[in-house]
Amino acid sequence: MDFVSDNLFNGRRFRVLTVVDNFSRECLAIHAGKSLKGEDVVAVMEALRLLSKRQPVRIQTDNGSEFISKSLDKWAYENGVTMDFSRPGKPTDNPFIESFNGSLRDNA
């Protein structure tokens, strides 16, 4: 799980939350918005849990403020999900999502 940021034609910034299954390499969710917070990440994960009837065992992310938020930590605890954070400044710890995000940027 990671974020991609870019600018619209008018210069306004937007962010995209991408969720990729590390095992199957399947993109499970793409959620865009002007400003995304921990609560938005929780809403996406809860929607995935309810719609797909699948529960992640572990979520791998960087140390972004949205991922270390109390709301996501609480959701993970309540759902028995382990949060696995990469080392600061080491995108190679999260290669599948970084590769996906690069392809998303190139093709969008």
PDB file of N, CA and C in Angstrom:
ATOM      1  N   MET A   1       0.858  -1.156   0.000  1.00  0.00           N
ATOM      2  CA  MET A   1       0.000   0.000   0.000  1.00  0.00           C
ATOM      3  C   MET A   1       0.912   1.228   0.000  1.00  0.00           C
ATOM      4  N   ASP A   2       0.562   2.199  -0.859  1.00  0.00           N
ATOM      5  CA  ASP A   2       1.399   3.386  -0.981  1.00  0.00           C
ATOM      6  C   ASP A   2       0.593   4.517  -1.606  1.00  0.00           C
ATOM      7  N   PHE A   3       1.194   5.688  -1.659  1.00  0.00           N
ATOM      8  CA  PHE A   3       0.576   6.849  -2.286  1.00  0.00           C
ATOM      9  C   PHE A   3       1.391   7.306  -3.477  1.00  0.00           C
ATOM     10  N   VAL A   4       0.690   7.825  -4.484  1.00  0.00           N
ATOM     11  CA  VAL A   4       1.295   8.487  -5.635  1.00  0.00           C
ATOM     12  C   VAL A   4       0.724   9.899  -5.646  1.00  0.00           C
ATOM     13  N   SER A   5       1.565  10.888  -5.878  1.00  0.00           N
ATOM     14  CA  SER A   5       1.103  12.279  -5.952  1.00  0.00           C
ATOM     15  C   SER A   5       1.412  12.845  -7.323  1.00  0.00           C
ATOM     16  N   ASP A   6       0.565  13.751  -7.774  1.00  0.00           N
ATOM     17  CA  ASP A   6       0.780  14.427  -9.053  1.00  0.00           C
ATOM     18  C   ASP A   6      -0.019  15.724  -9.042  1.00  0.00           C
ATOM     19  N   ASN A   7       0.101  16.469 -10.123  1.00  0.00           N
ATOM     20  CA  ASN A   7      -0.631  17.722 -10.260  1.00  0.00           C
ATOM     21  C   ASN A   7      -1.599  17.640 -11.421  1.00  0.00           C
ATOM     22  N   LEU A   8      -2.735  18.295 -11.266  1.00  0.00           N
ATOM     23  CA  LEU A   8      -3.708  18.413 -12.342  1.00  0.00           C
ATOM     24  C   LEU A   8      -3.248  19.497 -13.316  1.00  0.00           C
ATOM     25  N   PHE A   9      -3.943  19.635 -14.431  1.00  0.00           N
ATOM     26  CA  PHE A   9      -3.589  20.630 -15.442  1.00  0.00           C
ATOM     27  C   PHE A   9      -3.573  22.050 -14.887  1.00  0.00           C
ATOM     28  N   ASN A  10      -4.378  22.299 -13.853  1.00  0.00           N
ATOM     29  CA  ASN A  10      -4.454  23.641 -13.263  1.00  0.00           C
ATOM     30  C   ASN A  10      -3.472  23.838 -12.103  1.00  0.00           C
ATOM     31  N   GLY A  11      -2.602  22.862 -11.882  1.00  0.00           N
ATOM     32  CA  GLY A  11      -1.594  22.965 -10.838  1.00  0.00           C
ATOM     33  C   GLY A  11      -2.004  22.436  -9.484  1.00  0.00           C
ATOM     34  N   ARG A  12      -3.264  22.081  -9.327  1.00  0.00           N
ATOM     35  CA  ARG A  12      -3.714  21.530  -8.040  1.00  0.00           C
ATOM     36  C   ARG A  12      -3.155  20.124  -7.862  1.00  0.00           C
ATOM     37  N   ARG A  13      -2.753  19.858  -6.642  1.00  0.00           N
ATOM     38  CA  ARG A  13      -2.164  18.561  -6.312  1.00  0.00           C
ATOM     39  C   ARG A  13      -3.259  17.551  -5.985  1.00  0.00           C
ATOM     40  N   PHE A  14      -3.022  16.294  -6.362  1.00  0.00           N
ATOM     41  CA  PHE A  14      -3.910  15.217  -5.939  1.00  0.00           C
ATOM     42  C   PHE A  14      -3.063  14.011  -5.568  1.00  0.00           C
ATOM     43  N   ARG A  15      -3.674  13.126  -4.802  1.00  0.00           N
ATOM     44  CA  ARG A  15      -2.983  11.917  -4.333  1.00  0.00           C
ATOM     45  C   ARG A  15      -3.813  10.696  -4.680  1.00  0.00           C
ATOM     46  N   VAL A  16      -3.117   9.584  -4.878  1.00  0.00           N
ATOM     47  CA  VAL A  16      -3.774   8.325  -5.198  1.00  0.00           C
ATOM     48  C   VAL A  16      -3.238   7.259  -4.247  1.00  0.00           C
ATOM     49  N   LEU A  17      -4.143   6.596  -3.532  1.00  0.00           N
ATOM     50  CA  LEU A  17      -3.787   5.455  -2.694  1.00  0.00           C
ATOM     51  C   LEU A  17      -3.859   4.213  -3.561  1.00  0.00           C
ATOM     52  N   THR A  18      -2.780   3.448  -3.602  1.00  0.00           N
ATOM     53  CA  THR A  18      -2.763   2.196  -4.363  1.00  0.00           C
ATOM     54  C   THR A  18      -2.559   1.034  -3.394  1.00  0.00           C
ATOM     55  N   VAL A  19      -3.343  -0.017  -3.589  1.00  0.00           N
ATOM     56  CA  VAL A  19      -3.257  -1.215  -2.754  1.00  0.00           C
ATOM     57  C   VAL A  19      -3.004  -2.397  -3.682  1.00  0.00           C
ATOM     58  N   VAL A  20      -1.856  -3.062  -3.503  1.00  0.00           N
ATOM     59  CA  VAL A  20      -1.470  -4.188  -4.347  1.00  0.00           C
ATOM     60  C   VAL A  20      -1.192  -5.394  -3.462  1.00  0.00           C
ATOM     61  N   ASP A  21      -1.708  -6.563  -3.868  1.00  0.00           N
ATOM     62  CA  ASP A  21      -1.440  -7.823  -3.181  1.00  0.00           C
ATOM     63  C   ASP A  21      -0.022  -8.265  -3.549  1.00  0.00           C
ATOM     64  N   ASN A  22       0.872  -8.382  -2.567  1.00  0.00           N
ATOM     65  CA  ASN A  22       2.260  -8.761  -2.846  1.00  0.00           C
ATOM     66  C   ASN A  22       2.389 -10.174  -3.398  1.00  0.00           C
ATOM     67  N   PHE A  23       1.457 -11.048  -3.092  1.00  0.00           N
ATOM     68  CA  PHE A  23       1.541 -12.430  -3.566  1.00  0.00           C
ATOM     69  C   PHE A  23       1.081 -12.553  -5.012  1.00  0.00           C
ATOM     70  N   SER A  24      -0.110 -12.062  -5.307  1.00  0.00           N
ATOM     71  CA  SER A  24      -0.673 -12.207  -6.657  1.00  0.00           C
ATOM     72  C   SER A  24      -0.301 -11.048  -7.579  1.00  0.00           C
ATOM     73  N   ARG A  25       0.214  -9.947  -7.021  1.00  0.00           N
ATOM     74  CA  ARG A  25       0.535  -8.711  -7.752  1.00  0.00           C
ATOM     75  C   ARG A  25      -0.721  -8.040  -8.312  1.00  0.00           C
ATOM     76  N   GLU A  26      -1.874  -8.427  -7.799  1.00  0.00           N
ATOM     77  CA  GLU A  26      -3.151  -7.860  -8.235  1.00  0.00           C
ATOM     78  C   GLU A  26      -3.368  -6.512  -7.557  1.00  0.00           C
ATOM     79  N   CYS A  27      -3.808  -5.539  -8.341  1.00  0.00           N
ATOM     80  CA  CYS A  27      -4.179  -4.244  -7.773  1.00  0.00           C
ATOM     81  C   CYS A  27      -5.569  -4.399  -7.168  1.00  0.00           C
ATOM     82  N   LEU A  28      -5.669  -4.221  -5.870  1.00  0.00           N
ATOM     83  CA  LEU A  28      -6.938  -4.401  -5.171  1.00  0.00           C
ATOM     84  C   LEU A  28      -7.741  -3.117  -5.075  1.00  0.00           C
ATOM     85  N   ALA A  29      -7.048  -1.974  -5.068  1.00  0.00           N
ATOM     86  CA  ALA A  29      -7.766  -0.697  -4.951  1.00  0.00           C
ATOM     87  C   ALA A  29      -6.905   0.449  -5.444  1.00  0.00           C
ATOM     88  N   ILE A  30      -7.577   1.416  -6.047  1.00  0.00           N
ATOM     89  CA  ILE A  30      -6.987   2.710  -6.385  1.00  0.00           C
ATOM     90  C   ILE A  30      -8.008   3.748  -5.943  1.00  0.00           C
ATOM     91  N   HIS A  31      -7.584   4.627  -5.049  1.00  0.00           N
ATOM     92  CA  HIS A  31      -8.493   5.639  -4.498  1.00  0.00           C
ATOM     93  C   HIS A  31      -7.821   7.001  -4.603  1.00  0.00           C
ATOM     94  N   ALA A  32      -8.450   7.937  -5.305  1.00  0.00           N
ATOM     95  CA  ALA A  32      -7.861   9.263  -5.524  1.00  0.00           C
ATOM     96  C   ALA A  32      -8.607  10.330  -4.738  1.00  0.00           C
ATOM     97  N   GLY A  33      -7.878  11.372  -4.373  1.00  0.00           N
ATOM     98  CA  GLY A  33      -8.483  12.503  -3.689  1.00  0.00           C
ATOM     99  C   GLY A  33      -7.504  13.652  -3.571  1.00  0.00           C
ATOM    100  N   LYS A  34      -8.021  14.826  -3.215  1.00  0.00           N
ATOM    101  CA  LYS A  34      -7.156  15.999  -3.050  1.00  0.00           C
ATOM    102  C   LYS A  34      -6.267  15.859  -1.819  1.00  0.00           C
ATOM    103  N   SER A  35      -6.830  15.332  -0.770  1.00  0.00           N
ATOM    104  CA  SER A  35      -6.101  15.177   0.478  1.00  0.00           C
ATOM    105  C   SER A  35      -6.581  13.887   1.133  1.00  0.00           C
ATOM    106  N   LEU A  36      -5.698  12.925   1.272  1.00  0.00           N
ATOM    107  CA  LEU A  36      -6.078  11.639   1.860  1.00  0.00           C
ATOM    108  C   LEU A  36      -5.408  11.496   3.221  1.00  0.00           C
ATOM    109  N   LYS A  37      -6.177  10.998   4.182  1.00  0.00           N
ATOM    110  CA  LYS A  37      -5.695  10.847   5.553  1.00  0.00           C
ATOM    111  C   LYS A  37      -5.820   9.393   5.983  1.00  0.00           C
ATOM    112  N   GLY A  38      -5.400   9.127   7.205  1.00  0.00           N
ATOM    113  CA  GLY A  38      -5.493   7.784   7.754  1.00  0.00           C
ATOM    114  C   GLY A  38      -6.904   7.236   7.726  1.00  0.00           C
ATOM    115  N   GLU A  39      -7.885   8.088   7.973  1.00  0.00           N
ATOM    116  CA  GLU A  39      -9.286   7.656   7.953  1.00  0.00           C
ATOM    117  C   GLU A  39      -9.705   7.202   6.555  1.00  0.00           C
ATOM    118  N   ASP A  40      -9.141   7.835   5.523  1.00  0.00           N
ATOM    119  CA  ASP A  40      -9.438   7.427   4.144  1.00  0.00           C
ATOM    120  C   ASP A  40      -8.843   6.053   3.847  1.00  0.00           C
ATOM    121  N   VAL A  41      -7.644   5.806   4.370  1.00  0.00           N
ATOM    122  CA  VAL A  41      -7.007   4.499   4.195  1.00  0.00           C
ATOM    123  C   VAL A  41      -7.861   3.428   4.870  1.00  0.00           C
ATOM    124  N   VAL A  42      -8.335   3.714   6.075  1.00  0.00           N
ATOM    125  CA  VAL A  42      -9.198   2.770   6.799  1.00  0.00           C
ATOM    126  C   VAL A  42     -10.468   2.496   6.005  1.00  0.00           C
ATOM    127  N   ALA A  43     -11.075   3.529   5.446  1.00  0.00           N
ATOM    128  CA  ALA A  43     -12.312   3.350   4.673  1.00  0.00           C
ATOM    129  C   ALA A  43     -12.075   2.447   3.465  1.00  0.00           C
ATOM    130  N   VAL A  44     -10.950   2.623   2.782  1.00  0.00           N
ATOM    131  CA  VAL A  44     -10.630   1.773   1.628  1.00  0.00           C
ATOM    132  C   VAL A  44     -10.398   0.334   2.081  1.00  0.00           C
ATOM    133  N   MET A  45      -9.643   0.140   3.150  1.00  0.00           N
ATOM    134  CA  MET A  45      -9.358  -1.218   3.629  1.00  0.00           C
ATOM    135  C   MET A  45     -10.623  -1.908   4.128  1.00  0.00           C
ATOM    136  N   GLU A  46     -11.488  -1.166   4.787  1.00  0.00           N
ATOM    137  CA  GLU A  46     -12.742  -1.750   5.273  1.00  0.00           C
ATOM    138  C   GLU A  46     -13.645  -2.116   4.097  1.00  0.00           C
ATOM    139  N   ALA A  47     -13.693  -1.277   3.078  1.00  0.00           N
ATOM    140  CA  ALA A  47     -14.482  -1.591   1.883  1.00  0.00           C
ATOM    141  C   ALA A  47     -13.941  -2.842   1.200  1.00  0.00           C
ATOM    142  N   LEU A  48     -12.625  -2.958   1.101  1.00  0.00           N
ATOM    143  CA  LEU A  48     -12.027  -4.165   0.511  1.00  0.00           C
ATOM    144  C   LEU A  48     -12.384  -5.404   1.322  1.00  0.00           C
ATOM    145  N   ARG A  49     -12.308  -5.271   2.641  1.00  0.00           N
ATOM    146  CA  ARG A  49     -12.616  -6.407   3.519  1.00  0.00           C
ATOM    147  C   ARG A  49     -14.061  -6.853   3.343  1.00  0.00           C
ATOM    148  N   LEU A  50     -14.976  -5.903   3.272  1.00  0.00           N
ATOM    149  CA  LEU A  50     -16.397  -6.237   3.165  1.00  0.00           C
ATOM    150  C   LEU A  50     -16.779  -6.716   1.769  1.00  0.00           C
ATOM    151  N   LEU A  51     -16.246  -6.075   0.738  1.00  0.00           N
ATOM    152  CA  LEU A  51     -16.623  -6.424  -0.634  1.00  0.00           C
ATOM    153  C   LEU A  51     -15.986  -7.718  -1.120  1.00  0.00           C
ATOM    154  N   SER A  52     -14.727  -7.921  -0.777  1.00  0.00           N
ATOM    155  CA  SER A  52     -14.036  -9.107  -1.292  1.00  0.00           C
ATOM    156  C   SER A  52     -14.132 -10.294  -0.344  1.00  0.00           C
ATOM    157  N   LYS A  53     -14.577 -10.018   0.876  1.00  0.00           N
ATOM    158  CA  LYS A  53     -14.657 -11.059   1.912  1.00  0.00           C
ATOM    159  C   LYS A  53     -13.290 -11.708   2.147  1.00  0.00           C
ATOM    160  N   ARG A  54     -12.238 -10.926   1.893  1.00  0.00           N
ATOM    161  CA  ARG A  54     -10.870 -11.377   2.157  1.00  0.00           C
ATOM    162  C   ARG A  54     -10.251 -10.439   3.183  1.00  0.00           C
ATOM    163  N   GLN A  55      -9.467 -11.005   4.054  1.00  0.00           N
ATOM    164  CA  GLN A  55      -8.836 -10.234   5.118  1.00  0.00           C
ATOM    165  C   GLN A  55      -7.323 -10.328   4.957  1.00  0.00           C
ATOM    166  N   PRO A  56      -6.626  -9.200   4.875  1.00  0.00           N
ATOM    167  CA  PRO A  56      -5.166  -9.297   4.824  1.00  0.00           C
ATOM    168  C   PRO A  56      -4.620  -9.768   6.167  1.00  0.00           C
ATOM    169  N   VAL A  57      -3.524 -10.497   6.109  1.00  0.00           N
ATOM    170  CA  VAL A  57      -2.843 -10.928   7.322  1.00  0.00           C
ATOM    171  C   VAL A  57      -1.797  -9.890   7.703  1.00  0.00           C
ATOM    172  N   ARG A  58      -1.184  -9.298   6.663  1.00  0.00           N
ATOM    173  CA  ARG A  58      -0.107  -8.330   6.864  1.00  0.00           C
ATOM    174  C   ARG A  58      -0.225  -7.242   5.812  1.00  0.00           C
ATOM    175  N   ILE A  59       0.016  -6.011   6.215  1.00  0.00           N
ATOM    176  CA  ILE A  59       0.020  -4.884   5.289  1.00  0.00           C
ATOM    177  C   ILE A  59       1.404  -4.254   5.331  1.00  0.00           C
ATOM    178  N   GLN A  60       2.020  -4.146   4.160  1.00  0.00           N
ATOM    179  CA  GLN A  60       3.350  -3.567   4.044  1.00  0.00           C
ATOM    180  C   GLN A  60       3.230  -2.140   3.510  1.00  0.00           C
ATOM    181  N   THR A  61       3.792  -1.186   4.246  1.00  0.00           N
ATOM    182  CA  THR A  61       3.727   0.225   3.854  1.00  0.00           C
ATOM    183  C   THR A  61       5.042   0.915   4.186  1.00  0.00           C
ATOM    184  N   ASP A  62       5.135   2.170   3.753  1.00  0.00           N
ATOM    185  CA  ASP A  62       6.236   3.005   4.215  1.00  0.00           C
ATOM    186  C   ASP A  62       5.802   3.665   5.525  1.00  0.00           C
ATOM    187  N   ASN A  63       6.538   4.655   5.959  1.00  0.00           N
ATOM    188  CA  ASN A  63       6.242   5.299   7.242  1.00  0.00           C
ATOM    189  C   ASN A  63       5.480   6.611   7.082  1.00  0.00           C
ATOM    190  N   GLY A  64       4.700   6.723   6.014  1.00  0.00           N
ATOM    191  CA  GLY A  64       3.903   7.928   5.795  1.00  0.00           C
ATOM    192  C   GLY A  64       2.912   8.152   6.923  1.00  0.00           C
ATOM    193  N   SER A  65       2.584   9.417   7.147  1.00  0.00           N
ATOM    194  CA  SER A  65       1.709   9.764   8.276  1.00  0.00           C
ATOM    195  C   SER A  65       0.352   9.071   8.197  1.00  0.00           C
ATOM    196  N   GLU A  66      -0.146   8.813   6.987  1.00  0.00           N
ATOM    197  CA  GLU A  66      -1.437   8.135   6.838  1.00  0.00           C
ATOM    198  C   GLU A  66      -1.362   6.686   7.320  1.00  0.00           C
ATOM    199  N   PHE A  67      -0.183   6.080   7.187  1.00  0.00           N
ATOM    200  CA  PHE A  67      -0.025   4.670   7.541  1.00  0.00           C
ATOM    201  C   PHE A  67       0.340   4.453   9.002  1.00  0.00           C
ATOM    202  N   ILE A  68       0.878   5.468   9.645  1.00  0.00           N
ATOM    203  CA  ILE A  68       1.206   5.331  11.070  1.00  0.00           C
ATOM    204  C   ILE A  68       0.148   6.012  11.941  1.00  0.00           C
ATOM    205  N   SER A  69      -0.989   6.328  11.330  1.00  0.00           N
ATOM    206  CA  SER A  69      -2.073   7.010  12.046  1.00  0.00           C
ATOM    207  C   SER A  69      -2.732   6.093  13.076  1.00  0.00           C
ATOM    208  N   LYS A  70      -3.316   6.702  14.077  1.00  0.00           N
ATOM    209  CA  LYS A  70      -4.027   5.942  15.110  1.00  0.00           C
ATOM    210  C   LYS A  70      -5.223   5.199  14.525  1.00  0.00           C
ATOM    211  N   SER A  71      -5.884   5.805  13.547  1.00  0.00           N
ATOM    212  CA  SER A  71      -7.080   5.169  12.983  1.00  0.00           C
ATOM    213  C   SER A  71      -6.730   3.878  12.244  1.00  0.00           C
ATOM    214  N   LEU A  72      -5.648   3.869  11.468  1.00  0.00           N
ATOM    215  CA  LEU A  72      -5.248   2.643  10.766  1.00  0.00           C
ATOM    216  C   LEU A  72      -4.709   1.618  11.753  1.00  0.00           C
ATOM    217  N   ASP A  73      -3.962   2.076  12.750  1.00  0.00           N
ATOM    218  CA  ASP A  73      -3.444   1.170  13.773  1.00  0.00           C
ATOM    219  C   ASP A  73      -4.589   0.478  14.507  1.00  0.00           C
ATOM    220  N   LYS A  74      -5.620   1.234  14.841  1.00  0.00           N
ATOM    221  CA  LYS A  74      -6.793   0.672  15.529  1.00  0.00           C
ATOM    222  C   LYS A  74      -7.509  -0.335  14.632  1.00  0.00           C
ATOM    223  N   TRP A  75      -7.714   0.018  13.351  1.00  0.00           N
ATOM    224  CA  TRP A  75      -8.383  -0.896  12.420  1.00  0.00           C
ATOM    225  C   TRP A  75      -7.587  -2.196  12.291  1.00  0.00           C
ATOM    226  N   ALA A  76      -6.276  -2.078  12.151  1.00  0.00           N
ATOM    227  CA  ALA A  76      -5.429  -3.266  12.010  1.00  0.00           C
ATOM    228  C   ALA A  76      -5.519  -4.144  13.262  1.00  0.00           C
ATOM    229  N   TYR A  77      -5.450  -3.533  14.428  1.00  0.00           N
ATOM    230  CA  TYR A  77      -5.538  -4.284  15.682  1.00  0.00           C
ATOM    231  C   TYR A  77      -6.880  -5.007  15.794  1.00  0.00           C
ATOM    232  N   GLU A  78      -7.961  -4.297  15.504  1.00  0.00           N
ATOM    233  CA  GLU A  78      -9.301  -4.884  15.619  1.00  0.00           C
ATOM    234  C   GLU A  78      -9.540  -6.003  14.611  1.00  0.00           C
ATOM    235  N   ASN A  79      -8.804  -6.000  13.503  1.00  0.00           N
ATOM    236  CA  ASN A  79      -8.996  -7.009  12.464  1.00  0.00           C
ATOM    237  C   ASN A  79      -7.870  -8.035  12.405  1.00  0.00           C
ATOM    238  N   GLY A  80      -6.968  -8.001  13.380  1.00  0.00           N
ATOM    239  CA  GLY A  80      -5.890  -8.982  13.448  1.00  0.00           C
ATOM    240  C   GLY A  80      -4.884  -8.870  12.315  1.00  0.00           C
ATOM    241  N   VAL A  81      -4.650  -7.658  11.845  1.00  0.00           N
ATOM    242  CA  VAL A  81      -3.728  -7.418  10.734  1.00  0.00           C
ATOM    243  C   VAL A  81      -2.416  -6.863  11.282  1.00  0.00           C
ATOM    244  N   THR A  82      -1.301  -7.441  10.855  1.00  0.00           N
ATOM    245  CA  THR A  82       0.014  -6.961  11.246  1.00  0.00           C
ATOM    246  C   THR A  82       0.466  -5.871  10.286  1.00  0.00           C
ATOM    247  N   MET A  83       0.892  -4.748  10.827  1.00  0.00           N
ATOM    248  CA  MET A  83       1.437  -3.665  10.007  1.00  0.00           C
ATOM    249  C   MET A  83       2.945  -3.851   9.911  1.00  0.00           C
ATOM    250  N   ASP A  84       3.461  -3.872   8.682  1.00  0.00           N
ATOM    251  CA  ASP A  84       4.885  -4.067   8.427  1.00  0.00           C
ATOM    252  C   ASP A  84       5.407  -2.808   7.736  1.00  0.00           C
ATOM    253  N   PHE A  85       6.222  -2.036   8.440  1.00  0.00           N
ATOM    254  CA  PHE A  85       6.710  -0.763   7.916  1.00  0.00           C
ATOM    255  C   PHE A  85       8.113  -0.921   7.344  1.00  0.00           C
ATOM    256  N   SER A  86       8.333  -0.326   6.182  1.00  0.00           N
ATOM    257  CA  SER A  86       9.657  -0.362   5.571  1.00  0.00           C
ATOM    258  C   SER A  86      10.588   0.596   6.311  1.00  0.00           C
ATOM    259  N   ARG A  87      11.871   0.420   6.083  1.00  0.00           N
ATOM    260  CA  ARG A  87      12.857   1.317   6.684  1.00  0.00           C
ATOM    261  C   ARG A  87      12.733   2.699   6.035  1.00  0.00           C
ATOM    262  N   PRO A  88      12.871   3.754   6.821  1.00  0.00           N
ATOM    263  CA  PRO A  88      12.775   5.104   6.248  1.00  0.00           C
ATOM    264  C   PRO A  88      13.788   5.306   5.119  1.00  0.00           C
ATOM    265  N   GLY A  89      13.307   5.859   4.007  1.00  0.00           N
ATOM    266  CA  GLY A  89      14.177   6.149   2.868  1.00  0.00           C
ATOM    267  C   GLY A  89      14.593   4.946   2.060  1.00  0.00           C
ATOM    268  N   LYS A  90      13.920   3.818   2.225  1.00  0.00           N
ATOM    269  CA  LYS A  90      14.276   2.584   1.513  1.00  0.00           C
ATOM    270  C   LYS A  90      13.083   2.061   0.717  1.00  0.00           C
ATOM    271  N   PRO A  91      12.770   2.666  -0.443  1.00  0.00           N
ATOM    272  CA  PRO A  91      11.641   2.181  -1.246  1.00  0.00           C
ATOM    273  C   PRO A  91      11.845   0.755  -1.756  1.00  0.00           C
ATOM    274  N   THR A  92      13.099   0.275  -1.738  1.00  0.00           N
ATOM    275  CA  THR A  92      13.357  -1.101  -2.172  1.00  0.00           C
ATOM    276  C   THR A  92      12.807  -2.122  -1.183  1.00  0.00           C
ATOM    277  N   ASP A  93      12.413  -1.684   0.009  1.00  0.00           N
ATOM    278  CA  ASP A  93      11.760  -2.590   0.965  1.00  0.00           C
ATOM    279  C   ASP A  93      10.334  -2.912   0.538  1.00  0.00           C
ATOM    280  N   ASN A  94       9.788  -2.142  -0.378  1.00  0.00           N
ATOM    281  CA  ASN A  94       8.397  -2.278  -0.816  1.00  0.00           C
ATOM    282  C   ASN A  94       8.368  -2.320  -2.353  1.00  0.00           C
ATOM    283  N   PRO A  95       9.080  -3.278  -2.971  1.00  0.00           N
ATOM    284  CA  PRO A  95       9.311  -3.211  -4.427  1.00  0.00           C
ATOM    285  C   PRO A  95       8.072  -3.369  -5.294  1.00  0.00           C
ATOM    286  N   PHE A  96       7.120  -4.190  -4.906  1.00  0.00           N
ATOM    287  CA  PHE A  96       5.972  -4.454  -5.776  1.00  0.00           C
ATOM    288  C   PHE A  96       5.094  -3.222  -5.930  1.00  0.00           C
ATOM    289  N   ILE A  97       4.822  -2.539  -4.833  1.00  0.00           N
ATOM    290  CA  ILE A  97       3.974  -1.352  -4.918  1.00  0.00           C
ATOM    291  C   ILE A  97       4.718  -0.213  -5.601  1.00  0.00           C
ATOM    292  N   GLU A  98       6.025  -0.091  -5.364  1.00  0.00           N
ATOM    293  CA  GLU A  98       6.799   0.964  -6.026  1.00  0.00           C
ATOM    294  C   GLU A  98       6.832   0.733  -7.537  1.00  0.00           C
ATOM    295  N   SER A  99       6.972  -0.512  -7.963  1.00  0.00           N
ATOM    296  CA  SER A  99       6.943  -0.843  -9.392  1.00  0.00           C
ATOM    297  C   SER A  99       5.573  -0.539  -9.985  1.00  0.00           C
ATOM    298  N   PHE A 100       4.521  -0.921  -9.265  1.00  0.00           N
ATOM    299  CA  PHE A 100       3.161  -0.645  -9.733  1.00  0.00           C
ATOM    300  C   PHE A 100       2.942   0.862  -9.866  1.00  0.00           C
ATOM    301  N   ASN A 101       3.374   1.620  -8.869  1.00  0.00           N
ATOM    302  CA  ASN A 101       3.185   3.067  -8.906  1.00  0.00           C
ATOM    303  C   ASN A 101       3.949   3.700 -10.061  1.00  0.00           C
ATOM    304  N   GLY A 102       5.137   3.177 -10.366  1.00  0.00           N
ATOM    305  CA  GLY A 102       5.887   3.673 -11.517  1.00  0.00           C
ATOM    306  C   GLY A 102       5.139   3.423 -12.815  1.00  0.00           C
ATOM    307  N   SER A 103       4.571   2.231 -12.955  1.00  0.00           N
ATOM    308  CA  SER A 103       3.781   1.909 -14.150  1.00  0.00           C
ATOM    309  C   SER A 103       2.526   2.764 -14.223  1.00  0.00           C
ATOM    310  N   LEU A 104       1.899   3.007 -13.088  1.00  0.00           N
ATOM    311  CA  LEU A 104       0.703   3.846 -13.046  1.00  0.00           C
ATOM    312  C   LEU A 104       1.029   5.263 -13.519  1.00  0.00           C
ATOM    313  N   ARG A 105       2.141   5.811 -13.033  1.00  0.00           N
ATOM    314  CA  ARG A 105       2.562   7.155 -13.453  1.00  0.00           C
ATOM    315  C   ARG A 105       2.856   7.196 -14.953  1.00  0.00           C
ATOM    316  N   ASP A 106       3.545   6.176 -15.460  1.00  0.00           N
ATOM    317  CA  ASP A 106       3.928   6.137 -16.876  1.00  0.00           C
ATOM    318  C   ASP A 106       2.731   6.000 -17.802  1.00  0.00           C
ATOM    319  N   ASN A 107       1.704   5.291 -17.358  1.00  0.00           N
ATOM    320  CA  ASN A 107       0.568   4.990 -18.232  1.00  0.00           C
ATOM    321  C   ASN A 107      -0.646   5.884 -18.017  1.00  0.00           C
ATOM    322  N   ALA A 108      -0.580   6.760 -17.044  1.00  0.00           N
ATOM    323  CA  ALA A 108      -1.742   7.620 -16.769  1.00  0.00           C
ATOM    324  C   ALA A 108      -1.613   8.964 -17.453  1.00  0.00           C
TER     325      ALA A 108
END
